[in-house]
Amino acid sequence: LVAVSFPAFNDGRAFSHASLLRSRLGFKGEVRAVGDV
């Protein structure tokens, strides 16, 4: 599991982290959003 952190609703860097994990790095496990969801 990779938990990507959204410390504030206006900080979207975790969107990029999740996309990079899936699209470029090929991560197949669970990706979880934590924080201000």
All heavy atoms as atom14 arrays in JSON, in Angstrom:
{
  "sequence": "LVAVSFPAFNDGRAFSHASLLRSRLGFKGEVRAVGDV",
  "atom14_mask": [
    [1, 1, 1, 1, 1, 1, 1, 1, 0, 0, 0, 0, 0, 0],
    [1, 1, 1, 1, 1, 1, 1, 0, 0, 0, 0, 0, 0, 0],
    [1, 1, 1, 1, 1, 0, 0, 0, 0, 0, 0, 0, 0, 0],
    [1, 1, 1, 1, 1, 1, 1, 0, 0, 0, 0, 0, 0, 0],
    [1, 1, 1, 1, 1, 1, 0, 0, 0, 0, 0, 0, 0, 0],
    [1, 1, 1, 1, 1, 1, 1, 1, 1, 1, 1, 0, 0, 0],
    [1, 1, 1, 1, 1, 1, 1, 0, 0, 0, 0, 0, 0, 0],
    [1, 1, 1, 1, 1, 0, 0, 0, 0, 0, 0, 0, 0, 0],
    [1, 1, 1, 1, 1, 1, 1, 1, 1, 1, 1, 0, 0, 0],
    [1, 1, 1, 1, 1, 1, 1, 1, 0, 0, 0, 0, 0, 0],
    [1, 1, 1, 1, 1, 1, 1, 1, 0, 0, 0, 0, 0, 0],
    [1, 1, 1, 1, 0, 0, 0, 0, 0, 0, 0, 0, 0, 0],
    [1, 1, 1, 1, 1, 1, 1, 1, 1, 1, 1, 0, 0, 0],
    [1, 1, 1, 1, 1, 0, 0, 0, 0, 0, 0, 0, 0, 0],
    [1, 1, 1, 1, 1, 1, 1, 1, 1, 1, 1, 0, 0, 0],
    [1, 1, 1, 1, 1, 1, 0, 0, 0, 0, 0, 0, 0, 0],
    [1, 1, 1, 1, 1, 1, 1, 1, 1, 1, 0, 0, 0, 0],
    [1, 1, 1, 1, 1, 0, 0, 0, 0, 0, 0, 0, 0, 0],
    [1, 1, 1, 1, 1, 1, 0, 0, 0, 0, 0, 0, 0, 0],
    [1, 1, 1, 1, 1, 1, 1, 1, 0, 0, 0, 0, 0, 0],
    [1, 1, 1, 1, 1, 1, 1, 1, 0, 0, 0, 0, 0, 0],
    [1, 1, 1, 1, 1, 1, 1, 1, 1, 1, 1, 0, 0, 0],
    [1, 1, 1, 1, 1, 1, 0, 0, 0, 0, 0, 0, 0, 0],
    [1, 1, 1, 1, 1, 1, 1, 1, 1, 1, 1, 0, 0, 0],
    [1, 1, 1, 1, 1, 1, 1, 1, 0, 0, 0, 0, 0, 0],
    [1, 1, 1, 1, 0, 0, 0, 0, 0, 0, 0, 0, 0, 0],
    [1, 1, 1, 1, 1, 1, 1, 1, 1, 1, 1, 0, 0, 0],
    [1, 1, 1, 1, 1, 1, 1, 1, 1, 0, 0, 0, 0, 0],
    [1, 1, 1, 1, 0, 0, 0, 0, 0, 0, 0, 0, 0, 0],
    [1, 1, 1, 1, 1, 1, 1, 1, 1, 0, 0, 0, 0, 0],
    [1, 1, 1, 1, 1, 1, 1, 0, 0, 0, 0, 0, 0, 0],
    [1, 1, 1, 1, 1, 1, 1, 1, 1, 1, 1, 0, 0, 0],
    [1, 1, 1, 1, 1, 0, 0, 0, 0, 0, 0, 0, 0, 0],
    [1, 1, 1, 1, 1, 1, 1, 0, 0, 0, 0, 0, 0, 0],
    [1, 1, 1, 1, 0, 0, 0, 0, 0, 0, 0, 0, 0, 0],
    [1, 1, 1, 1, 1, 1, 1, 1, 0, 0, 0, 0, 0, 0],
    [1, 1, 1, 1, 1, 1, 1, 0, 0, 0, 0, 0, 0, 0]
  ],
  "atom14_positions": [
    [[0.84, -1.2, 0.0], [0.0, 0.0, 0.0], [0.88, 1.25, 0.0], [1.85, 1.31, 0.75], [-0.9, 0.01, 1.25], [-1.78, 1.25, 1.42], [-3.17, 0.83, 1.87], [-1.2, 2.2, 2.44], [0.0, 0.0, 0.0], [0.0, 0.0, 0.0], [0.0, 0.0, 0.0], [0.0, 0.0, 0.0], [0.0, 0.0, 0.0], [0.0, 0.0, 0.0]],
    [[0.52, 2.2, -0.86], [1.15, 3.52, -0.83], [0.05, 4.52, -0.47], [-0.97, 4.6, -1.16], [1.8, 3.91, -2.17], [2.32, 5.34, -2.12], [2.93, 2.95, -2.52], [0.0, 0.0, 0.0], [0.0, 0.0, 0.0], [0.0, 0.0, 0.0], [0.0, 0.0, 0.0], [0.0, 0.0, 0.0], [0.0, 0.0, 0.0], [0.0, 0.0, 0.0]],
    [[0.25, 5.24, 0.62], [-0.68, 6.28, 1.04], [-0.14, 7.62, 0.55], [0.97, 8.01, 0.91], [-0.83, 6.29, 2.56], [0.0, 0.0, 0.0], [0.0, 0.0, 0.0], [0.0, 0.0, 0.0], [0.0, 0.0, 0.0], [0.0, 0.0, 0.0], [0.0, 0.0, 0.0], [0.0, 0.0, 0.0], [0.0, 0.0, 0.0], [0.0, 0.0, 0.0]],
    [[-0.89, 8.28, -0.33], [-0.48, 9.59, -0.84], [-1.21, 10.65, -0.03], [-2.42, 10.59, 0.14], [-0.71, 9.74, -2.36], [0.23, 8.84, -3.14], [-2.14, 9.45, -2.74], [0.0, 0.0, 0.0], [0.0, 0.0, 0.0], [0.0, 0.0, 0.0], [0.0, 0.0, 0.0], [0.0, 0.0, 0.0], [0.0, 0.0, 0.0], [0.0, 0.0, 0.0]],
    [[-0.46, 11.61, 0.47], [-1.0, 12.58, 1.42], [-1.51, 13.85, 0.74], [-0.8, 14.46, -0.06], [0.09, 12.95, 2.44], [-0.4, 13.91, 3.34], [0.0, 0.0, 0.0], [0.0, 0.0, 0.0], [0.0, 0.0, 0.0], [0.0, 0.0, 0.0], [0.0, 0.0, 0.0], [0.0, 0.0, 0.0], [0.0, 0.0, 0.0], [0.0, 0.0, 0.0]],
    [[-2.74, 14.21, 1.1], [-3.35, 15.47, 0.7], [-3.51, 16.3, 1.98], [-4.55, 16.24, 2.63], [-4.73, 15.24, 0.08], [-4.71, 14.59, -1.28], [-4.65, 13.21, -1.4], [-4.74, 15.36, -2.42], [-4.63, 12.61, -2.65], [-4.72, 14.77, -3.68], [-4.66, 13.39, -3.79], [0.0, 0.0, 0.0], [0.0, 0.0, 0.0], [0.0, 0.0, 0.0]],
    [[-2.48, 17.08, 2.37], [-2.56, 17.83, 3.62], [-3.58, 18.98, 3.57], [-4.07, 19.41, 4.61], [-1.15, 18.37, 3.82], [-0.55, 18.38, 2.46], [-1.19, 17.26, 1.7], [0.0, 0.0, 0.0], [0.0, 0.0, 0.0], [0.0, 0.0, 0.0], [0.0, 0.0, 0.0], [0.0, 0.0, 0.0], [0.0, 0.0, 0.0], [0.0, 0.0, 0.0]],
    [[-3.89, 19.44, 2.37], [-4.88, 20.5, 2.18], [-5.55, 20.27, 0.83], [-4.94, 19.74, -0.09], [-4.22, 21.88, 2.2], [0.0, 0.0, 0.0], [0.0, 0.0, 0.0], [0.0, 0.0, 0.0], [0.0, 0.0, 0.0], [0.0, 0.0, 0.0], [0.0, 0.0, 0.0], [0.0, 0.0, 0.0], [0.0, 0.0, 0.0], [0.0, 0.0, 0.0]],
    [[-6.81, 20.68, 0.71], [-7.55, 20.41, -0.54], [-6.89, 21.07, -1.75], [-7.06, 20.62, -2.87], [-9.01, 20.86, -0.41], [-9.21, 22.34, -0.57], [-9.49, 22.88, -1.8], [-9.09, 23.2, 0.52], [-9.67, 24.25, -1.96], [-9.27, 24.55, 0.38], [-9.56, 25.08, -0.86], [0.0, 0.0, 0.0], [0.0, 0.0, 0.0], [0.0, 0.0, 0.0]],
    [[-6.13, 22.14, -1.55], [-5.53, 22.85, -2.68], [-4.1, 22.4, -2.98], [-3.43, 23.02, -3.78], [-5.59, 24.36, -2.46], [-4.83, 24.79, -1.23], [-4.37, 23.98, -0.44], [-4.69, 26.1, -1.06], [0.0, 0.0, 0.0], [0.0, 0.0, 0.0], [0.0, 0.0, 0.0], [0.0, 0.0, 0.0], [0.0, 0.0, 0.0], [0.0, 0.0, 0.0]],
    [[-3.64, 21.33, -2.35], [-2.31, 20.78, -2.64], [-2.49, 19.5, -3.44], [-2.83, 18.46, -2.89], [-1.55, 20.5, -1.34], [-0.1, 20.12, -1.59], [0.23, 19.7, -2.72], [0.71, 20.26, -0.66], [0.0, 0.0, 0.0], [0.0, 0.0, 0.0], [0.0, 0.0, 0.0], [0.0, 0.0, 0.0], [0.0, 0.0, 0.0], [0.0, 0.0, 0.0]],
    [[-2.3, 19.58, -4.74], [-2.58, 18.47, -5.63], [-1.39, 17.61, -6.0], [-1.5, 16.79, -6.91], [0.0, 0.0, 0.0], [0.0, 0.0, 0.0], [0.0, 0.0, 0.0], [0.0, 0.0, 0.0], [0.0, 0.0, 0.0], [0.0, 0.0, 0.0], [0.0, 0.0, 0.0], [0.0, 0.0, 0.0], [0.0, 0.0, 0.0], [0.0, 0.0, 0.0]],
    [[-0.27, 17.76, -5.31], [0.91, 16.97, -5.68], [0.67, 15.46, -5.55], [1.26, 14.68, -6.29], [2.12, 17.41, -4.86], [2.57, 18.82, -5.23], [3.72, 19.29, -4.38], [3.21, 19.72, -3.07], [3.96, 20.19, -2.09], [5.28, 20.29, -2.27], [3.43, 20.57, -0.95], [0.0, 0.0, 0.0], [0.0, 0.0, 0.0], [0.0, 0.0, 0.0]],
    [[-0.22, 15.05, -4.66], [-0.5, 13.62, -4.5], [-1.19, 13.05, -5.74], [-1.05, 11.86, -6.02], [-1.33, 13.38, -3.25], [0.0, 0.0, 0.0], [0.0, 0.0, 0.0], [0.0, 0.0, 0.0], [0.0, 0.0, 0.0], [0.0, 0.0, 0.0], [0.0, 0.0, 0.0], [0.0, 0.0, 0.0], [0.0, 0.0, 0.0], [0.0, 0.0, 0.0]],
    [[-1.91, 13.87, -6.5], [-2.46, 13.41, -7.78], [-1.31, 12.97, -8.69], [-1.38, 11.93, -9.34], [-3.24, 14.53, -8.48], [-4.6, 14.81, -7.92], [-4.81, 15.91, -7.1], [-5.68, 14.0, -8.22], [-6.07, 16.19, -6.59], [-6.95, 14.28, -7.72], [-7.14, 15.38, -6.89], [0.0, 0.0, 0.0], [0.0, 0.0, 0.0], [0.0, 0.0, 0.0]],
    [[-0.27, 13.77, -8.74], [0.9, 13.45, -9.57], [1.61, 12.21, -9.05], [2.05, 11.36, -9.84], [1.88, 14.62, -9.61], [1.26, 15.75, -10.18], [0.0, 0.0, 0.0], [0.0, 0.0, 0.0], [0.0, 0.0, 0.0], [0.0, 0.0, 0.0], [0.0, 0.0, 0.0], [0.0, 0.0, 0.0], [0.0, 0.0, 0.0], [0.0, 0.0, 0.0]],
    [[1.74, 12.09, -7.73], [2.37, 10.9, -7.16], [1.61, 9.63, -7.56], [2.22, 8.64, -7.99], [2.44, 10.98, -5.63], [3.37, 12.01, -5.1], [4.62, 12.27, -5.64], [3.25, 12.88, -4.06], [5.22, 13.22, -4.95], [4.4, 13.62, -3.99], [0.0, 0.0, 0.0], [0.0, 0.0, 0.0], [0.0, 0.0, 0.0], [0.0, 0.0, 0.0]],
    [[0.29, 9.65, -7.43], [-0.52, 8.48, -7.77], [-0.42, 8.15, -9.25], [-0.24, 6.99, -9.63], [-1.98, 8.72, -7.39], [0.0, 0.0, 0.0], [0.0, 0.0, 0.0], [0.0, 0.0, 0.0], [0.0, 0.0, 0.0], [0.0, 0.0, 0.0], [0.0, 0.0, 0.0], [0.0, 0.0, 0.0], [0.0, 0.0, 0.0], [0.0, 0.0, 0.0]],
    [[-0.5, 9.16, -10.09], [-0.41, 8.95, -11.52], [0.96, 8.39, -11.92], [1.06, 7.47, -12.73], [-0.68, 10.27, -12.26], [-0.68, 10.07, -13.64], [0.0, 0.0, 0.0], [0.0, 0.0, 0.0], [0.0, 0.0, 0.0], [0.0, 0.0, 0.0], [0.0, 0.0, 0.0], [0.0, 0.0, 0.0], [0.0, 0.0, 0.0], [0.0, 0.0, 0.0]],
    [[2.01, 8.92, -11.34], [3.37, 8.44, -11.61], [3.52, 6.99, -11.16], [4.08, 6.16, -11.88], [4.39, 9.33, -10.91], [5.86, 9.0, -11.11], [6.25, 9.08, -12.58], [6.73, 9.95, -10.3], [0.0, 0.0, 0.0], [0.0, 0.0, 0.0], [0.0, 0.0, 0.0], [0.0, 0.0, 0.0], [0.0, 0.0, 0.0], [0.0, 0.0, 0.0]],
    [[3.01, 6.67, -9.97], [3.09, 5.29, -9.48], [2.42, 4.32, -10.45], [2.96, 3.26, -10.76], [2.41, 5.17, -8.12], [3.23, 5.6, -6.92], [2.34, 5.81, -5.7], [4.31, 4.58, -6.61], [0.0, 0.0, 0.0], [0.0, 0.0, 0.0], [0.0, 0.0, 0.0], [0.0, 0.0, 0.0], [0.0, 0.0, 0.0], [0.0, 0.0, 0.0]],
    [[1.25, 4.67, -10.94], [0.48, 3.78, -11.81], [1.02, 3.76, -13.24], [1.29, 2.7, -13.8], [-0.99, 4.19, -11.84], [-1.7, 4.02, -10.55], [-1.89, 2.56, -10.21], [-2.82, 2.44, -9.09], [-2.78, 1.48, -8.21], [-1.86, 0.54, -8.28], [-3.66, 1.43, -7.24], [0.0, 0.0, 0.0], [0.0, 0.0, 0.0], [0.0, 0.0, 0.0]],
    [[1.15, 4.94, -13.85], [1.44, 5.03, -15.28], [2.89, 4.76, -15.63], [3.17, 4.06, -16.6], [1.05, 6.41, -15.81], [-0.32, 6.63, -15.64], [0.0, 0.0, 0.0], [0.0, 0.0, 0.0], [0.0, 0.0, 0.0], [0.0, 0.0, 0.0], [0.0, 0.0, 0.0], [0.0, 0.0, 0.0], [0.0, 0.0, 0.0], [0.0, 0.0, 0.0]],
    [[3.8, 5.33, -14.91], [5.21, 5.21, -15.28], [5.97, 4.14, -14.51], [6.85, 3.5, -15.05], [5.91, 6.55, -15.09], [5.41, 7.6, -16.06], [6.27, 8.81, -16.05], [5.64, 9.88, -16.79], [5.95, 11.14, -16.66], [6.9, 11.51, -15.83], [5.32, 12.05, -17.37], [0.0, 0.0, 0.0], [0.0, 0.0, 0.0], [0.0, 0.0, 0.0]],
    [[5.62, 3.97, -13.23], [6.36, 3.02, -12.4], [5.7, 1.65, -12.35], [6.31, 0.69, -11.9], [6.55, 3.58, -10.99], [7.26, 4.94, -10.91], [7.39, 5.39, -9.47], [8.62, 4.88, -11.57], [0.0, 0.0, 0.0], [0.0, 0.0, 0.0], [0.0, 0.0, 0.0], [0.0, 0.0, 0.0], [0.0, 0.0, 0.0], [0.0, 0.0, 0.0]],
    [[4.46, 1.55, -12.81], [3.77, 0.26, -12.9], [3.38, -0.35, -11.57], [3.23, -1.57, -11.47], [0.0, 0.0, 0.0], [0.0, 0.0, 0.0], [0.0, 0.0, 0.0], [0.0, 0.0, 0.0], [0.0, 0.0, 0.0], [0.0, 0.0, 0.0], [0.0, 0.0, 0.0], [0.0, 0.0, 0.0], [0.0, 0.0, 0.0], [0.0, 0.0, 0.0]],
    [[3.15, 0.46, -10.54], [2.77, -0.07, -9.23], [1.39, -0.69, -9.3], [0.44, -0.08, -9.77], [2.81, 1.05, -8.18], [2.44, 0.6, -6.8], [3.23, -0.31, -6.13], [1.3, 1.07, -6.18], [2.9, -0.75, -4.85], [0.95, 0.66, -4.9], [1.75, -0.26, -4.24], [0.0, 0.0, 0.0], [0.0, 0.0, 0.0], [0.0, 0.0, 0.0]],
    [[1.26, -1.93, -8.83], [0.0, -2.68, -8.91], [-0.72, -2.78, -7.57], [-1.85, -3.24, -7.5], [0.24, -4.09, -9.43], [0.88, -4.14, -10.8], [-0.04, -3.62, -11.86], [0.58, -3.78, -13.23], [0.22, -2.74, -14.15], [0.0, 0.0, 0.0], [0.0, 0.0, 0.0], [0.0, 0.0, 0.0], [0.0, 0.0, 0.0], [0.0, 0.0, 0.0]],
    [[-0.07, -2.38, -6.47], [-0.69, -2.47, -5.15], [-1.73, -1.39, -4.94], [-2.11, -0.66, -5.86], [0.0, 0.0, 0.0], [0.0, 0.0, 0.0], [0.0, 0.0, 0.0], [0.0, 0.0, 0.0], [0.0, 0.0, 0.0], [0.0, 0.0, 0.0], [0.0, 0.0, 0.0], [0.0, 0.0, 0.0], [0.0, 0.0, 0.0], [0.0, 0.0, 0.0]],
    [[-2.18, -1.28, -3.71], [-3.21, -0.3, -3.35], [-2.6, 1.09, -3.19], [-1.54, 1.24, -2.59], [-3.88, -0.72, -2.04], [-5.0, 0.19, -1.6], [-5.69, -0.3, -0.32], [-5.48, -1.46, 0.07], [-6.44, 0.5, 0.26], [0.0, 0.0, 0.0], [0.0, 0.0, 0.0], [0.0, 0.0, 0.0], [0.0, 0.0, 0.0], [0.0, 0.0, 0.0]],
    [[-3.27, 2.08, -3.74], [-2.9, 3.49, -3.53], [-4.06, 4.13, -2.77], [-5.21, 4.08, -3.23], [-2.62, 4.24, -4.85], [-2.3, 5.71, -4.58], [-1.48, 3.58, -5.62], [0.0, 0.0, 0.0], [0.0, 0.0, 0.0], [0.0, 0.0, 0.0], [0.0, 0.0, 0.0], [0.0, 0.0, 0.0], [0.0, 0.0, 0.0], [0.0, 0.0, 0.0]],
    [[-3.74, 4.74, -1.63], [-4.76, 5.31, -0.76], [-4.54, 6.81, -0.6], [-3.43, 7.25, -0.34], [-4.72, 4.65, 0.61], [-5.68, 5.27, 1.61], [-5.72, 4.51, 2.9], [-6.29, 3.18, 2.63], [-6.33, 2.22, 3.53], [-5.85, 2.42, 4.73], [-6.86, 1.06, 3.22], [0.0, 0.0, 0.0], [0.0, 0.0, 0.0], [0.0, 0.0, 0.0]],
    [[-5.62, 7.58, -0.72], [-5.57, 9.01, -0.43], [-5.81, 9.2, 1.06], [-6.77, 8.66, 1.61], [-6.64, 9.76, -1.23], [0.0, 0.0, 0.0], [0.0, 0.0, 0.0], [0.0, 0.0, 0.0], [0.0, 0.0, 0.0], [0.0, 0.0, 0.0], [0.0, 0.0, 0.0], [0.0, 0.0, 0.0], [0.0, 0.0, 0.0], [0.0, 0.0, 0.0]],
    [[-4.93, 9.97, 1.71], [-5.09, 10.29, 3.12], [-4.99, 11.8, 3.29], [-4.38, 12.48, 2.48], [-4.02, 9.57, 4.01], [-4.14, 8.07, 3.88], [-2.62, 10.02, 3.67], [0.0, 0.0, 0.0], [0.0, 0.0, 0.0], [0.0, 0.0, 0.0], [0.0, 0.0, 0.0], [0.0, 0.0, 0.0], [0.0, 0.0, 0.0], [0.0, 0.0, 0.0]],
    [[-5.61, 12.31, 4.33], [-5.56, 13.75, 4.58], [-6.89, 14.41, 4.26], [-7.94, 13.89, 4.61], [0.0, 0.0, 0.0], [0.0, 0.0, 0.0], [0.0, 0.0, 0.0], [0.0, 0.0, 0.0], [0.0, 0.0, 0.0], [0.0, 0.0, 0.0], [0.0, 0.0, 0.0], [0.0, 0.0, 0.0], [0.0, 0.0, 0.0], [0.0, 0.0, 0.0]],
    [[-6.84, 15.52, 3.56], [-8.03, 16.31, 3.26], [-8.7, 15.78, 2.0], [-8.54, 16.32, 0.91], [-7.65, 17.78, 3.11], [-8.83, 18.72, 3.23], [-9.94, 18.26, 3.57], [-8.65, 19.93, 2.99], [0.0, 0.0, 0.0], [0.0, 0.0, 0.0], [0.0, 0.0, 0.0], [0.0, 0.0, 0.0], [0.0, 0.0, 0.0], [0.0, 0.0, 0.0]],
    [[-9.46, 14.7, 2.14], [-10.13, 14.04, 1.01], [-11.56, 14.57, 0.93], [-12.37, 14.33, 1.82], [-10.13, 12.5, 1.19], [-10.9, 11.83, 0.07], [-8.71, 11.97, 1.27], [0.0, 0.0, 0.0], [0.0, 0.0, 0.0], [0.0, 0.0, 0.0], [0.0, 0.0, 0.0], [0.0, 0.0, 0.0], [0.0, 0.0, 0.0], [0.0, 0.0, 0.0]]
  ]
}
